Amino acid sequence: MTSAPLAVLDLEELRELVAQVLDIEVAELTDEADFVDDLEVDSLMALEIVVVLEKKYGVKIPESELKQFTCLQRAYELLLAKLRAR
């Protein structure tokens, strides 16, 4: 059962998921908070986020694209593009 990408990807659900992985409050994870500079996400945490997103949304995120996941808004846009491309 596959649904439309827009129905699958909800920004607030994504925010909750990433906040849970990072073990931070949802309120701390603003759309533009930089994962590295503002939230002190290291490479291992970033990889953990990507693995969770891949499993949750059924997409593959190549290692070459990891650096593009700089903030929640950017992660949302990249995921949305991947879901639309399916």
Protein backbone atom coordinates (compact mmCIF):
# COMPACT_ATOMS: atom_id res chain seq x y z
CA MET A 1 0.00 0.00 0.00
CA THR A 2 1.74 3.14 -1.21
CA SER A 3 0.32 6.56 -0.55
CA ALA A 4 1.10 9.94 -2.03
CA PRO A 5 4.42 11.48 -0.91
CA LEU A 6 2.74 14.51 0.62
CA ALA A 7 0.57 12.28 2.79
CA VAL A 8 3.60 10.22 3.83
CA LEU A 9 5.92 13.06 4.81
CA ASP A 10 4.73 15.36 7.56
CA LEU A 11 7.15 18.02 8.82
CA GLU A 12 5.98 17.77 12.43
CA GLU A 13 6.24 13.98 12.40
CA LEU A 14 9.75 14.32 10.95
CA ARG A 15 10.61 16.85 13.68
CA GLU A 16 9.45 14.45 16.40
CA LEU A 17 11.35 11.55 14.87
CA VAL A 18 14.64 13.46 14.54
CA ALA A 19 14.26 14.96 18.04
CA GLN A 20 13.76 11.46 19.41
CA VAL A 21 16.91 10.19 17.67
CA LEU A 22 18.90 13.17 18.96
CA ASP A 23 17.35 12.85 22.43
CA ILE A 24 16.37 16.51 22.52
CA GLU A 25 13.11 18.37 23.10
CA VAL A 26 10.98 18.83 19.99
CA ALA A 27 10.95 22.60 20.65
CA GLU A 28 14.75 22.71 20.28
CA LEU A 29 14.51 21.35 16.74
CA THR A 30 13.45 24.40 14.77
CA ASP A 31 13.22 24.24 10.99
CA GLU A 32 16.48 26.12 10.52
CA ALA A 33 18.52 24.89 13.53
CA ASP A 34 21.81 23.70 12.07
CA PHE A 35 22.39 20.09 13.07
CA VAL A 36 26.14 20.56 13.60
CA ASP A 37 26.49 24.16 14.79
CA ASP A 38 23.29 24.53 16.84
CA LEU A 39 22.51 20.97 17.93
CA GLU A 40 26.06 19.55 18.06
CA VAL A 41 25.23 16.53 15.90
CA ASP A 42 28.35 14.49 15.19
CA SER A 43 28.86 12.15 12.24
CA LEU A 44 27.65 9.10 14.15
CA MET A 45 24.43 10.85 15.20
CA ALA A 46 23.92 12.07 11.64
CA LEU A 47 24.29 8.52 10.36
CA GLU A 48 21.79 7.31 12.95
CA ILE A 49 19.28 9.94 11.76
CA VAL A 50 19.75 8.85 8.14
CA VAL A 51 19.29 5.16 8.99
CA VAL A 52 16.07 5.90 10.87
CA LEU A 53 14.77 8.06 8.01
CA GLU A 54 15.63 5.41 5.43
CA LYS A 55 13.73 2.77 7.38
CA LYS A 56 10.77 4.99 8.18
CA TYR A 57 10.25 6.39 4.67
CA GLY A 58 11.62 3.54 2.55
CA VAL A 59 14.22 5.63 0.72
CA LYS A 60 17.94 5.24 0.18
CA ILE A 61 20.16 8.16 1.12
CA PRO A 62 23.65 7.73 -0.32
CA GLU A 63 26.61 8.71 1.83
CA SER A 64 27.42 11.41 -0.72
CA GLU A 65 24.18 13.20 0.22
CA LEU A 66 24.71 13.19 4.00
CA LYS A 67 26.27 16.65 4.02
CA GLN A 68 23.09 18.07 2.49
CA PHE A 69 21.14 17.20 5.64
CA THR A 70 22.10 20.37 7.48
CA CYS A 71 18.82 21.25 9.20
CA LEU A 72 15.31 19.92 9.57
CA GLN A 73 13.91 21.99 6.69
CA ARG A 74 16.64 20.77 4.34
CA ALA A 75 16.10 17.16 5.46
CA TYR A 76 12.38 17.56 4.79
CA GLU A 77 13.01 18.95 1.29
CA LEU A 78 15.48 16.20 0.39
CA LEU A 79 13.18 13.45 1.69
CA LEU A 80 10.23 14.92 -0.15
CA ALA A 81 12.22 14.95 -3.40
CA LYS A 82 13.20 11.30 -2.90
CA LEU A 83 9.62 10.29 -2.18
CA ARG A 84 8.35 12.10 -5.26
CA ALA A 85 10.99 10.40 -7.40
CA ARG A 86 9.72 6.93 -6.50
